[in-house]
């Protein structure tokens, strides 16, 4: 697990993402997410990760409505980028967490990271 990248995403979710533009049921509702005030794009935590400048520089992008990293797309891109096993990826980025706000997602993610760190 790349804890540094996950903590960067958690901080971004807590401080930058408006709850009205957070929707865990989709990667994005159109174009790549942006923090521009005039943009109506909503995205999940993984979709929003593609808006973080340091992640963009590292190669994480939104391509054709899917998060991408290298040749991988969707959850596989998240798995590679954040160095997660499939179950970890699912727990953080699946639509089962869709009734959360960005801050609630961040709290849940912190809890999982803490638990995973204790068991490795």
PDB file of N, CA and C in Angstrom:
ATOM      1  N   UNK A   1       0.838  -1.181   0.000  1.00  0.00           N
ATOM      2  CA  UNK A   1       0.000   0.000   0.000  1.00  0.00           C
ATOM      3  C   UNK A   1       0.881   1.242   0.000  1.00  0.00           C
ATOM      4  N   UNK A   2       0.548   2.181  -0.883  1.00  0.00           N
ATOM      5  CA  UNK A   2       1.292   3.434  -0.924  1.00  0.00           C
ATOM      6  C   UNK A   2       0.576   4.424  -0.005  1.00  0.00           C
ATOM      7  N   UNK A   3       0.974   4.378   1.255  1.00  0.00           N
ATOM      8  CA  UNK A   3       0.315   5.176   2.284  1.00  0.00           C
ATOM      9  C   UNK A   3       0.431   6.674   2.007  1.00  0.00           C
ATOM     10  N   UNK A   4       1.564   7.108   1.481  1.00  0.00           N
ATOM     11  CA  UNK A   4       1.752   8.535   1.204  1.00  0.00           C
ATOM     12  C   UNK A   4       0.728   9.023   0.181  1.00  0.00           C
ATOM     13  N   UNK A   5       0.533   8.259  -0.891  1.00  0.00           N
ATOM     14  CA  UNK A   5      -0.446   8.664  -1.902  1.00  0.00           C
ATOM     15  C   UNK A   5      -1.867   8.620  -1.337  1.00  0.00           C
ATOM     16  N   UNK A   6      -2.164   7.599  -0.567  1.00  0.00           N
ATOM     17  CA  UNK A   6      -3.504   7.510   0.018  1.00  0.00           C
ATOM     18  C   UNK A   6      -3.769   8.664   0.977  1.00  0.00           C
ATOM     19  N   UNK A   7      -2.775   9.041   1.766  1.00  0.00           N
ATOM     20  CA  UNK A   7      -2.956  10.155   2.693  1.00  0.00           C
ATOM     21  C   UNK A   7      -3.108  11.479   1.934  1.00  0.00           C
ATOM     22  N   UNK A   8      -2.435  11.605   0.805  1.00  0.00           N
ATOM     23  CA  UNK A   8      -2.613  12.796  -0.037  1.00  0.00           C
ATOM     24  C   UNK A   8      -4.049  12.865  -0.531  1.00  0.00           C
ATOM     25  N   UNK A   9      -4.590  11.736  -0.991  1.00  0.00           N
ATOM     26  CA  UNK A   9      -5.976  11.703  -1.446  1.00  0.00           C
ATOM     27  C   UNK A   9      -6.938  12.005  -0.304  1.00  0.00           C
ATOM     28  N   UNK A  10      -6.698  11.442   0.851  1.00  0.00           N
ATOM     29  CA  UNK A  10      -7.559  11.692   2.008  1.00  0.00           C
ATOM     30  C   UNK A  10      -7.586  13.176   2.342  1.00  0.00           C
ATOM     31  N   UNK A  11      -6.425  13.802   2.402  1.00  0.00           N
ATOM     32  CA  UNK A  11      -6.357  15.237   2.701  1.00  0.00           C
ATOM     33  C   UNK A  11      -7.109  16.040   1.634  1.00  0.00           C
ATOM     34  N   UNK A  12      -6.934  15.686   0.373  1.00  0.00           N
ATOM     35  CA  UNK A  12      -7.618  16.365  -0.723  1.00  0.00           C
ATOM     36  C   UNK A  12      -9.131  16.230  -0.562  1.00  0.00           C
ATOM     37  N   UNK A  13      -9.591  15.034  -0.255  1.00  0.00           N
ATOM     38  CA  UNK A  13     -11.028  14.806  -0.093  1.00  0.00           C
ATOM     39  C   UNK A  13     -11.580  15.626   1.076  1.00  0.00           C
ATOM     40  N   UNK A  14     -10.824  15.723   2.148  1.00  0.00           N
ATOM     41  CA  UNK A  14     -11.275  16.466   3.333  1.00  0.00           C
ATOM     42  C   UNK A  14     -11.310  17.972   3.106  1.00  0.00           C
ATOM     43  N   UNK A  15     -10.402  18.469   2.286  1.00  0.00           N
ATOM     44  CA  UNK A  15     -10.230  19.923   2.199  1.00  0.00           C
ATOM     45  C   UNK A  15     -10.642  20.559   0.873  1.00  0.00           C
ATOM     46  N   UNK A  16     -10.753  19.789  -0.183  1.00  0.00           N
ATOM     47  CA  UNK A  16     -10.970  20.398  -1.497  1.00  0.00           C
ATOM     48  C   UNK A  16     -12.279  20.024  -2.190  1.00  0.00           C
ATOM     49  N   UNK A  17     -12.801  18.840  -1.918  1.00  0.00           N
ATOM     50  CA  UNK A  17     -13.935  18.336  -2.699  1.00  0.00           C
ATOM     51  C   UNK A  17     -15.266  18.746  -2.063  1.00  0.00           C
ATOM     52  N   UNK A  18     -16.083  19.513  -2.801  1.00  0.00           N
ATOM     53  CA  UNK A  18     -17.400  19.881  -2.263  1.00  0.00           C
ATOM     54  C   UNK A  18     -18.329  18.670  -2.250  1.00  0.00           C
ATOM     55  N   UNK A  19     -19.092  18.530  -1.181  1.00  0.00           N
ATOM     56  CA  UNK A  19     -19.932  17.336  -1.051  1.00  0.00           C
ATOM     57  C   UNK A  19     -20.956  17.228  -2.173  1.00  0.00           C
ATOM     58  N   UNK A  20     -21.387  18.350  -2.737  1.00  0.00           N
ATOM     59  CA  UNK A  20     -22.358  18.292  -3.828  1.00  0.00           C
ATOM     60  C   UNK A  20     -21.744  17.785  -5.140  1.00  0.00           C
ATOM     61  N   UNK A  21     -20.422  17.652  -5.177  1.00  0.00           N
ATOM     62  CA  UNK A  21     -19.735  17.126  -6.366  1.00  0.00           C
ATOM     63  C   UNK A  21     -19.019  15.810  -6.059  1.00  0.00           C
ATOM     64  N   UNK A  22     -19.531  15.106  -5.065  1.00  0.00           N
ATOM     65  CA  UNK A  22     -18.962  13.817  -4.682  1.00  0.00           C
ATOM     66  C   UNK A  22     -20.027  12.752  -4.875  1.00  0.00           C
ATOM     67  N   UNK A  23     -19.715  11.743  -5.663  1.00  0.00           N
ATOM     68  CA  UNK A  23     -20.677  10.677  -5.963  1.00  0.00           C
ATOM     69  C   UNK A  23     -19.903   9.384  -6.177  1.00  0.00           C
ATOM     70  N   UNK A  24     -19.968   8.493  -5.203  1.00  0.00           N
ATOM     71  CA  UNK A  24     -19.209   7.250  -5.283  1.00  0.00           C
ATOM     72  C   UNK A  24     -19.815   6.236  -6.248  1.00  0.00           C
ATOM     73  N   UNK A  25     -20.929   6.569  -6.885  1.00  0.00           N
ATOM     74  CA  UNK A  25     -21.536   5.626  -7.813  1.00  0.00           C
ATOM     75  C   UNK A  25     -20.970   5.734  -9.227  1.00  0.00           C
ATOM     76  N   UNK A  26     -20.068   6.713  -9.455  1.00  0.00           N
ATOM     77  CA  UNK A  26     -19.480   6.870 -10.786  1.00  0.00           C
ATOM     78  C   UNK A  26     -18.079   7.452 -10.684  1.00  0.00           C
ATOM     79  N   UNK A  27     -17.236   7.110 -11.662  1.00  0.00           N
ATOM     80  CA  UNK A  27     -15.887   7.685 -11.677  1.00  0.00           C
ATOM     81  C   UNK A  27     -15.985   9.184 -11.938  1.00  0.00           C
ATOM     82  N   UNK A  28     -16.810   9.557 -12.918  1.00  0.00           N
ATOM     83  CA  UNK A  28     -17.073  10.958 -13.234  1.00  0.00           C
ATOM     84  C   UNK A  28     -18.364  11.022 -14.028  1.00  0.00           C
ATOM     85  N   UNK A  29     -19.052  12.143 -13.947  1.00  0.00           N
ATOM     86  CA  UNK A  29     -20.292  12.272 -14.710  1.00  0.00           C
ATOM     87  C   UNK A  29     -20.067  12.990 -16.036  1.00  0.00           C
ATOM     88  N   UNK A  30     -18.869  12.953 -16.519  1.00  0.00           N
ATOM     89  CA  UNK A  30     -18.570  13.592 -17.799  1.00  0.00           C
ATOM     90  C   UNK A  30     -17.081  13.744 -17.986  1.00  0.00           C
ATOM     91  N   UNK A  31     -16.628  14.957 -17.876  1.00  0.00           N
ATOM     92  CA  UNK A  31     -15.217  15.252 -18.077  1.00  0.00           C
ATOM     93  C   UNK A  31     -14.427  14.982 -16.812  1.00  0.00           C
ATOM     94  N   UNK A  32     -13.143  15.188 -16.878  1.00  0.00           N
ATOM     95  CA  UNK A  32     -12.292  15.018 -15.695  1.00  0.00           C
ATOM     96  C   UNK A  32     -12.712  16.009 -14.618  1.00  0.00           C
ATOM     97  N   UNK A  33     -12.732  15.592 -13.364  1.00  0.00           N
ATOM     98  CA  UNK A  33     -13.129  16.502 -12.288  1.00  0.00           C
ATOM     99  C   UNK A  33     -12.175  17.684 -12.172  1.00  0.00           C
ATOM    100  N   UNK A  34     -12.728  18.812 -11.800  1.00  0.00           N
ATOM    101  CA  UNK A  34     -11.940  20.021 -11.606  1.00  0.00           C
ATOM    102  C   UNK A  34     -12.533  20.799 -10.434  1.00  0.00           C
ATOM    103  N   UNK A  35     -11.735  21.623  -9.819  1.00  0.00           N
ATOM    104  CA  UNK A  35     -12.209  22.418  -8.690  1.00  0.00           C
ATOM    105  C   UNK A  35     -12.713  23.796  -9.121  1.00  0.00           C
ATOM    106  N   UNK A  36     -12.795  24.033 -10.429  1.00  0.00           N
ATOM    107  CA  UNK A  36     -13.342  25.310 -10.904  1.00  0.00           C
ATOM    108  C   UNK A  36     -14.758  25.468 -10.378  1.00  0.00           C
ATOM    109  N   UNK A  37     -15.090  26.657  -9.917  1.00  0.00           N
ATOM    110  CA  UNK A  37     -16.403  26.914  -9.328  1.00  0.00           C
ATOM    111  C   UNK A  37     -17.538  26.759 -10.344  1.00  0.00           C
ATOM    112  N   UNK A  38     -17.263  26.983 -11.623  1.00  0.00           N
ATOM    113  CA  UNK A  38     -18.305  26.899 -12.640  1.00  0.00           C
ATOM    114  C   UNK A  38     -18.474  25.492 -13.206  1.00  0.00           C
ATOM    115  N   UNK A  39     -17.751  24.538 -12.689  1.00  0.00           N
ATOM    116  CA  UNK A  39     -17.808  23.170 -13.194  1.00  0.00           C
ATOM    117  C   UNK A  39     -18.835  22.375 -12.406  1.00  0.00           C
ATOM    118  N   UNK A  40     -19.671  21.627 -13.093  1.00  0.00           N
ATOM    119  CA  UNK A  40     -20.685  20.828 -12.423  1.00  0.00           C
ATOM    120  C   UNK A  40     -20.325  19.359 -12.334  1.00  0.00           C
ATOM    121  N   UNK A  41     -19.077  19.023 -12.624  1.00  0.00           N
ATOM    122  CA  UNK A  41     -18.659  17.629 -12.630  1.00  0.00           C
ATOM    123  C   UNK A  41     -18.660  17.040 -11.226  1.00  0.00           C
ATOM    124  N   UNK A  42     -19.219  15.850 -11.119  1.00  0.00           N
ATOM    125  CA  UNK A  42     -19.156  15.081  -9.877  1.00  0.00           C
ATOM    126  C   UNK A  42     -18.291  13.859 -10.133  1.00  0.00           C
ATOM    127  N   UNK A  43     -17.685  13.343  -9.082  1.00  0.00           N
ATOM    128  CA  UNK A  43     -16.837  12.164  -9.222  1.00  0.00           C
ATOM    129  C   UNK A  43     -16.716  11.453  -7.887  1.00  0.00           C
ATOM    130  N   UNK A  44     -16.248  10.207  -7.953  1.00  0.00           N
ATOM    131  CA  UNK A  44     -15.954   9.440  -6.752  1.00  0.00           C
ATOM    132  C   UNK A  44     -14.549   9.792  -6.264  1.00  0.00           C
ATOM    133  N   UNK A  45     -14.127   9.179  -5.181  1.00  0.00           N
ATOM    134  CA  UNK A  45     -12.789   9.451  -4.644  1.00  0.00           C
ATOM    135  C   UNK A  45     -11.705   9.139  -5.672  1.00  0.00           C
ATOM    136  N   UNK A  46     -11.856   8.040  -6.396  1.00  0.00           N
ATOM    137  CA  UNK A  46     -10.856   7.692  -7.410  1.00  0.00           C
ATOM    138  C   UNK A  46     -10.894   8.677  -8.564  1.00  0.00           C
ATOM    139  N   UNK A  47     -12.082   9.099  -8.957  1.00  0.00           N
ATOM    140  CA  UNK A  47     -12.190  10.121 -10.000  1.00  0.00           C
ATOM    141  C   UNK A  47     -11.534  11.421  -9.580  1.00  0.00           C
ATOM    142  N   UNK A  48     -11.779  11.836  -8.330  1.00  0.00           N
ATOM    143  CA  UNK A  48     -11.166  13.067  -7.822  1.00  0.00           C
ATOM    144  C   UNK A  48      -9.648  12.937  -7.716  1.00  0.00           C
ATOM    145  N   UNK A  49      -9.158  11.730  -7.482  1.00  0.00           N
ATOM    146  CA  UNK A  49      -7.703  11.536  -7.399  1.00  0.00           C
ATOM    147  C   UNK A  49      -7.023  12.009  -8.681  1.00  0.00           C
ATOM    148  N   UNK A  50      -7.723  11.900  -9.814  1.00  0.00           N
ATOM    149  CA  UNK A  50      -7.124  12.315 -11.092  1.00  0.00           C
ATOM    150  C   UNK A  50      -6.992  13.830 -11.212  1.00  0.00           C
ATOM    151  N   UNK A  51      -7.577  14.575 -10.268  1.00  0.00           N
ATOM    152  CA  UNK A  51      -7.478  16.040 -10.276  1.00  0.00           C
ATOM    153  C   UNK A  51      -6.327  16.551  -9.413  1.00  0.00           C
ATOM    154  N   UNK A  52      -5.662  15.681  -8.694  1.00  0.00           N
ATOM    155  CA  UNK A  52      -4.571  16.091  -7.804  1.00  0.00           C
ATOM    156  C   UNK A  52      -3.302  16.290  -8.640  1.00  0.00           C
ATOM    157  N   UNK A  53      -2.734  17.498  -8.626  1.00  0.00           N
ATOM    158  CA  UNK A  53      -1.577  17.787  -9.489  1.00  0.00           C
ATOM    159  C   UNK A  53      -0.415  16.803  -9.360  1.00  0.00           C
ATOM    160  N   UNK A  54      -0.042  16.418  -8.149  1.00  0.00           N
ATOM    161  CA  UNK A  54       1.091  15.491  -7.999  1.00  0.00           C
ATOM    162  C   UNK A  54       0.749  14.113  -8.559  1.00  0.00           C
ATOM    163  N   UNK A  55      -0.507  13.714  -8.495  1.00  0.00           N
ATOM    164  CA  UNK A  55      -0.933  12.437  -9.069  1.00  0.00           C
ATOM    165  C   UNK A  55      -0.917  12.514 -10.591  1.00  0.00           C
ATOM    166  N   UNK A  56      -1.341  13.665 -11.135  1.00  0.00           N
ATOM    167  CA  UNK A  56      -1.285  13.856 -12.594  1.00  0.00           C
ATOM    168  C   UNK A  56       0.156  13.729 -13.081  1.00  0.00           C
ATOM    169  N   UNK A  57       1.072  14.386 -12.362  1.00  0.00           N
ATOM    170  CA  UNK A  57       2.494  14.320 -12.756  1.00  0.00           C
ATOM    171  C   UNK A  57       3.026  12.893 -12.678  1.00  0.00           C
ATOM    172  N   UNK A  58       2.474  12.092 -11.763  1.00  0.00           N
ATOM    173  CA  UNK A  58       2.907  10.704 -11.605  1.00  0.00           C
ATOM    174  C   UNK A  58       2.252   9.776 -12.629  1.00  0.00           C
ATOM    175  N   UNK A  59       1.313  10.305 -13.425  1.00  0.00           N
ATOM    176  CA  UNK A  59       0.720   9.520 -14.501  1.00  0.00           C
ATOM    177  C   UNK A  59      -0.729   9.113 -14.326  1.00  0.00           C
ATOM    178  N   UNK A  60      -1.370   9.470 -13.211  1.00  0.00           N
ATOM    179  CA  UNK A  60      -2.782   9.144 -13.032  1.00  0.00           C
ATOM    180  C   UNK A  60      -3.601  10.150 -13.840  1.00  0.00           C
ATOM    181  N   UNK A  61      -4.551   9.656 -14.625  1.00  0.00           N
ATOM    182  CA  UNK A  61      -5.321  10.527 -15.511  1.00  0.00           C
ATOM    183  C   UNK A  61      -6.744  10.004 -15.658  1.00  0.00           C
ATOM    184  N   UNK A  62      -7.608  10.836 -16.216  1.00  0.00           N
ATOM    185  CA  UNK A  62      -8.955  10.420 -16.577  1.00  0.00           C
ATOM    186  C   UNK A  62      -8.960  10.283 -18.097  1.00  0.00           C
ATOM    187  N   UNK A  63      -9.230   9.057 -18.582  1.00  0.00           N
ATOM    188  CA  UNK A  63      -9.285   8.810 -20.027  1.00  0.00           C
ATOM    189  C   UNK A  63     -10.612   8.159 -20.377  1.00  0.00           C
ATOM    190  N   UNK A  64     -11.357   8.804 -21.231  1.00  0.00           N
ATOM    191  CA  UNK A  64     -12.654   8.279 -21.677  1.00  0.00           C
ATOM    192  C   UNK A  64     -13.566   7.937 -20.498  1.00  0.00           C
ATOM    193  N   UNK A  65     -13.561   8.788 -19.486  1.00  0.00           N
ATOM    194  CA  UNK A  65     -14.431   8.598 -18.334  1.00  0.00           C
ATOM    195  C   UNK A  65     -13.953   7.591 -17.307  1.00  0.00           C
ATOM    196  N   UNK A  66     -12.728   7.076 -17.481  1.00  0.00           N
ATOM    197  CA  UNK A  66     -12.173   6.100 -16.537  1.00  0.00           C
ATOM    198  C   UNK A  66     -10.832   6.576 -15.997  1.00  0.00           C
ATOM    199  N   UNK A  67     -10.592   6.412 -14.689  1.00  0.00           N
ATOM    200  CA  UNK A  67      -9.257   6.682 -14.160  1.00  0.00           C
ATOM    201  C   UNK A  67      -8.278   5.721 -14.832  1.00  0.00           C
ATOM    202  N   UNK A  68      -7.107   6.231 -15.181  1.00  0.00           N
ATOM    203  CA  UNK A  68      -6.119   5.407 -15.876  1.00  0.00           C
ATOM    204  C   UNK A  68      -4.729   5.674 -15.324  1.00  0.00           C
ATOM    205  N   UNK A  69      -3.936   4.607 -15.318  1.00  0.00           N
ATOM    206  CA  UNK A  69      -2.540   4.696 -14.887  1.00  0.00           C
ATOM    207  C   UNK A  69      -1.772   3.718 -15.754  1.00  0.00           C
ATOM    208  N   UNK A  70      -0.890   4.232 -16.583  1.00  0.00           N
ATOM    209  CA  UNK A  70      -0.216   3.383 -17.557  1.00  0.00           C
ATOM    210  C   UNK A  70      -1.262   2.792 -18.483  1.00  0.00           C
ATOM    211  N   UNK A  71      -1.225   1.498 -18.681  1.00  0.00           N
ATOM    212  CA  UNK A  71      -2.210   0.816 -19.532  1.00  0.00           C
ATOM    213  C   UNK A  71      -3.450   0.374 -18.752  1.00  0.00           C
ATOM    214  N   UNK A  72      -3.440   0.534 -17.451  1.00  0.00           N
ATOM    215  CA  UNK A  72      -4.549   0.062 -16.612  1.00  0.00           C
ATOM    216  C   UNK A  72      -5.629   1.136 -16.482  1.00  0.00           C
ATOM    217  N   UNK A  73      -6.875   0.675 -16.388  1.00  0.00           N
ATOM    218  CA  UNK A  73      -8.002   1.589 -16.219  1.00  0.00           C
ATOM    219  C   UNK A  73      -8.881   1.133 -15.064  1.00  0.00           C
ATOM    220  N   UNK A  74      -9.678   2.070 -14.542  1.00  0.00           N
ATOM    221  CA  UNK A  74     -10.627   1.754 -13.477  1.00  0.00           C
ATOM    222  C   UNK A  74      -9.952   1.296 -12.203  1.00  0.00           C
ATOM    223  N   UNK A  75     -10.530   0.249 -11.599  1.00  0.00           N
ATOM    224  CA  UNK A  75     -10.000  -0.229 -10.321  1.00  0.00           C
ATOM    225  C   UNK A  75      -8.591  -0.809 -10.465  1.00  0.00           C
ATOM    226  N   UNK A  76      -8.278  -1.336 -11.634  1.00  0.00           N
ATOM    227  CA  UNK A  76      -6.925  -1.861 -11.842  1.00  0.00           C
ATOM    228  C   UNK A  76      -5.912  -0.712 -11.796  1.00  0.00           C
ATOM    229  N   UNK A  77      -6.276   0.444 -12.342  1.00  0.00           N
ATOM    230  CA  UNK A  77      -5.405   1.623 -12.264  1.00  0.00           C
ATOM    231  C   UNK A  77      -5.201   2.023 -10.806  1.00  0.00           C
ATOM    232  N   UNK A  78      -6.278   2.001 -10.022  1.00  0.00           N
ATOM    233  CA  UNK A  78      -6.177   2.336  -8.595  1.00  0.00           C
ATOM    234  C   UNK A  78      -5.291   1.340  -7.870  1.00  0.00           C
ATOM    235  N   UNK A  79      -5.448   0.080  -8.216  1.00  0.00           N
ATOM    236  CA  UNK A  79      -4.642  -0.961  -7.590  1.00  0.00           C
ATOM    237  C   UNK A  79      -3.158  -0.723  -7.825  1.00  0.00           C
ATOM    238  N   UNK A  80      -2.799  -0.414  -9.064  1.00  0.00           N
ATOM    239  CA  UNK A  80      -1.391  -0.157  -9.383  1.00  0.00           C
ATOM    240  C   UNK A  80      -0.906   1.162  -8.777  1.00  0.00           C
ATOM    241  N   UNK A  81      -1.691   2.227  -8.933  1.00  0.00           N
ATOM    242  CA  UNK A  81      -1.252   3.543  -8.489  1.00  0.00           C
ATOM    243  C   UNK A  81      -1.083   3.625  -6.976  1.00  0.00           C
ATOM    244  N   UNK A  82      -2.031   3.040  -6.244  1.00  0.00           N
ATOM    245  CA  UNK A  82      -1.981   3.104  -4.778  1.00  0.00           C
ATOM    246  C   UNK A  82      -1.372   1.847  -4.159  1.00  0.00           C
ATOM    247  N   UNK A  83      -0.922   0.918  -4.990  1.00  0.00           N
ATOM    248  CA  UNK A  83      -0.313  -0.331  -4.540  1.00  0.00           C
ATOM    249  C   UNK A  83      -1.242  -1.074  -3.567  1.00  0.00           C
ATOM    250  N   UNK A  84      -2.461  -1.332  -4.038  1.00  0.00           N
ATOM    251  CA  UNK A  84      -3.478  -2.003  -3.235  1.00  0.00           C
ATOM    252  C   UNK A  84      -3.786  -3.379  -3.804  1.00  0.00           C
ATOM    253  N   UNK A  85      -4.125  -4.312  -2.936  1.00  0.00           N
ATOM    254  CA  UNK A  85      -4.635  -5.598  -3.406  1.00  0.00           C
ATOM    255  C   UNK A  85      -6.124  -5.382  -3.735  1.00  0.00           C
ATOM    256  N   UNK A  86      -6.725  -6.258  -4.531  1.00  0.00           N
ATOM    257  CA  UNK A  86      -8.113  -6.030  -4.961  1.00  0.00           C
ATOM    258  C   UNK A  86      -9.115  -5.766  -3.842  1.00  0.00           C
ATOM    259  N   UNK A  87      -9.046  -6.468  -2.740  1.00  0.00           N
ATOM    260  CA  UNK A  87     -10.009  -6.256  -1.655  1.00  0.00           C
ATOM    261  C   UNK A  87      -9.847  -4.865  -1.040  1.00  0.00           C
ATOM    262  N   UNK A  88      -8.618  -4.396  -0.917  1.00  0.00           N
ATOM    263  CA  UNK A  88      -8.377  -3.044  -0.392  1.00  0.00           C
ATOM    264  C   UNK A  88      -8.947  -2.009  -1.356  1.00  0.00           C
ATOM    265  N   UNK A  89      -8.698  -2.221  -2.627  1.00  0.00           N
ATOM    266  CA  UNK A  89      -9.188  -1.319  -3.660  1.00  0.00           C
ATOM    267  C   UNK A  89     -10.716  -1.253  -3.621  1.00  0.00           C
ATOM    268  N   UNK A  90     -11.341  -2.392  -3.508  1.00  0.00           N
ATOM    269  CA  UNK A  90     -12.801  -2.464  -3.457  1.00  0.00           C
ATOM    270  C   UNK A  90     -13.346  -1.747  -2.224  1.00  0.00           C
ATOM    271  N   UNK A  91     -12.711  -1.937  -1.084  1.00  0.00           N
ATOM    272  CA  UNK A  91     -13.183  -1.319   0.154  1.00  0.00           C
ATOM    273  C   UNK A  91     -13.104   0.209   0.086  1.00  0.00           C
ATOM    274  N   UNK A  92     -12.107   0.731  -0.596  1.00  0.00           N
ATOM    275  CA  UNK A  92     -11.938   2.183  -0.675  1.00  0.00           C
ATOM    276  C   UNK A  92     -12.729   2.828  -1.805  1.00  0.00           C
ATOM    277  N   UNK A  93     -12.842   2.143  -2.926  1.00  0.00           N
ATOM    278  CA  UNK A  93     -13.351   2.814  -4.114  1.00  0.00           C
ATOM    279  C   UNK A  93     -14.634   2.242  -4.712  1.00  0.00           C
ATOM    280  N   UNK A  94     -15.247   1.248  -4.084  1.00  0.00           N
ATOM    281  CA  UNK A  94     -16.463   0.671  -4.664  1.00  0.00           C
ATOM    282  C   UNK A  94     -17.676   1.558  -4.383  1.00  0.00           C
ATOM    283  N   UNK A  95     -18.724   1.331  -5.145  1.00  0.00           N
ATOM    284  CA  UNK A  95     -19.947   2.118  -4.983  1.00  0.00           C
ATOM    285  C   UNK A  95     -20.700   1.773  -3.693  1.00  0.00           C
ATOM    286  N   UNK A  96     -20.238   0.765  -2.962  1.00  0.00           N
ATOM    287  CA  UNK A  96     -20.873   0.430  -1.681  1.00  0.00           C
ATOM    288  C   UNK A  96     -20.731   1.562  -0.673  1.00  0.00           C
ATOM    289  N   UNK A  97     -19.806   2.469  -0.937  1.00  0.00           N
ATOM    290  CA  UNK A  97     -19.590   3.611  -0.043  1.00  0.00           C
ATOM    291  C   UNK A  97     -20.300   4.860  -0.568  1.00  0.00           C
ATOM    292  N   UNK A  98     -21.300   4.693  -1.442  1.00  0.00           N
ATOM    293  CA  UNK A  98     -21.842   5.839  -2.174  1.00  0.00           C
ATOM    294  C   UNK A  98     -22.684   6.808  -1.350  1.00  0.00           C
ATOM    295  N   UNK A  99     -23.101   6.481  -0.197  1.00  0.00           N
ATOM    296  CA  UNK A  99     -23.904   7.419   0.592  1.00  0.00           C
ATOM    297  C   UNK A  99     -23.042   8.255   1.545  1.00  0.00           C
ATOM    298  N   UNK A 100     -21.804   8.433   1.214  1.00  0.00           N
ATOM    299  CA  UNK A 100     -20.875   9.183   2.055  1.00  0.00           C
ATOM    300  C   UNK A 100     -20.613  10.575   1.497  1.00  0.00           C
ATOM    301  N   UNK A 101     -20.197  11.464   2.389  1.00  0.00           N
ATOM    302  CA  UNK A 101     -19.662  12.756   1.973  1.00  0.00           C
ATOM    303  C   UNK A 101     -18.157  12.570   1.786  1.00  0.00           C
ATOM    304  N   UNK A 102     -17.467  13.543   1.179  1.00  0.00           N
ATOM    305  CA  UNK A 102     -16.003  13.410   1.060  1.00  0.00           C
ATOM    306  C   UNK A 102     -15.323  13.219   2.417  1.00  0.00           C
ATOM    307  N   UNK A 103     -15.778  13.935   3.433  1.00  0.00           N
ATOM    308  CA  UNK A 103     -15.165  13.813   4.759  1.00  0.00           C
ATOM    309  C   UNK A 103     -15.441  12.455   5.389  1.00  0.00           C
ATOM    310  N   UNK A 104     -16.632  11.924   5.181  1.00  0.00           N
ATOM    311  CA  UNK A 104     -16.936  10.589   5.697  1.00  0.00           C
ATOM    312  C   UNK A 104     -16.088   9.540   4.985  1.00  0.00           C
ATOM    313  N   UNK A 105     -15.905   9.714   3.667  1.00  0.00           N
ATOM    314  CA  UNK A 105     -15.049   8.787   2.928  1.00  0.00           C
ATOM    315  C   UNK A 105     -13.628   8.838   3.490  1.00  0.00           C
ATOM    316  N   UNK A 106     -13.126  10.046   3.744  1.00  0.00           N
ATOM    317  CA  UNK A 106     -11.768  10.201   4.267  1.00  0.00           C
ATOM    318  C   UNK A 106     -11.623   9.515   5.623  1.00  0.00           C
ATOM    319  N   UNK A 107     -12.620   9.653   6.472  1.00  0.00           N
ATOM    320  CA  UNK A 107     -12.581   9.006   7.788  1.00  0.00           C
ATOM    321  C   UNK A 107     -12.547   7.487   7.638  1.00  0.00           C
ATOM    322  N   UNK A 108     -13.378   6.953   6.746  1.00  0.00           N
ATOM    323  CA  UNK A 108     -13.404   5.520   6.489  1.00  0.00           C
ATOM    324  C   UNK A 108     -12.058   5.050   5.929  1.00  0.00           C
ATOM    325  N   UNK A 109     -11.497   5.807   5.013  1.00  0.00           N
ATOM    326  CA  UNK A 109     -10.215   5.438   4.413  1.00  0.00           C
ATOM    327  C   UNK A 109      -9.100   5.433   5.460  1.00  0.00           C
ATOM    328  N   UNK A 110      -9.066   6.435   6.324  1.00  0.00           N
ATOM    329  CA  UNK A 110      -8.069   6.469   7.415  1.00  0.00           C
ATOM    330  C   UNK A 110      -8.171   5.213   8.282  1.00  0.00           C
ATOM    331  N   UNK A 111      -9.397   4.830   8.605  1.00  0.00           N
ATOM    332  CA  UNK A 111      -9.620   3.648   9.448  1.00  0.00           C
ATOM    333  C   UNK A 111      -9.074   2.395   8.760  1.00  0.00           C
ATOM    334  N   UNK A 112      -9.383   2.218   7.489  1.00  0.00           N
ATOM    335  CA  UNK A 112      -8.895   1.050   6.767  1.00  0.00           C
ATOM    336  C   UNK A 112      -7.367   1.041   6.687  1.00  0.00           C
ATOM    337  N   UNK A 113      -6.778   2.171   6.403  1.00  0.00           N
ATOM    338  CA  UNK A 113      -5.316   2.250   6.304  1.00  0.00           C
ATOM    339  C   UNK A 113      -4.679   1.883   7.637  1.00  0.00           C
ATOM    340  N   UNK A 114      -5.237   2.395   8.709  1.00  0.00           N
ATOM    341  CA  UNK A 114      -4.717   2.080  10.048  1.00  0.00           C
ATOM    342  C   UNK A 114      -4.815   0.573  10.314  1.00  0.00           C
ATOM    343  N   UNK A 115      -5.962  -0.016  10.006  1.00  0.00           N
ATOM    344  CA  UNK A 115      -6.143  -1.457  10.222  1.00  0.00           C
ATOM    345  C   UNK A 115      -5.205  -2.278   9.351  1.00  0.00           C
ATOM    346  N   UNK A 116      -5.075  -1.911   8.085  1.00  0.00           N
ATOM    347  CA  UNK A 116      -4.194  -2.661   7.183  1.00  0.00           C
ATOM    348  C   UNK A 116      -2.744  -2.554   7.620  1.00  0.00           C
ATOM    349  N   UNK A 117      -2.364  -1.380   8.108  1.00  0.00           N
ATOM    350  CA  UNK A 117      -0.980  -1.168   8.553  1.00  0.00           C
ATOM    351  C   UNK A 117      -0.668  -2.036   9.771  1.00  0.00           C
ATOM    352  N   UNK A 118      -1.648  -2.222  10.638  1.00  0.00           N
ATOM    353  CA  UNK A 118      -1.456  -3.032  11.838  1.00  0.00           C
ATOM    354  C   UNK A 118      -1.300  -4.516  11.514  1.00  0.00           C
ATOM    355  N   UNK A 119      -1.887  -4.965  10.412  1.00  0.00           N
ATOM    356  CA  UNK A 119      -1.884  -6.378  10.060  1.00  0.00           C
ATOM    357  C   UNK A 119      -0.779  -6.779   9.083  1.00  0.00           C
ATOM    358  N   UNK A 120       0.048  -5.842   8.688  1.00  0.00           N
ATOM    359  CA  UNK A 120       1.127  -6.182   7.741  1.00  0.00           C
ATOM    360  C   UNK A 120       2.457  -6.211   8.422  1.00  0.00           C
TER     361      UNK A 120
END
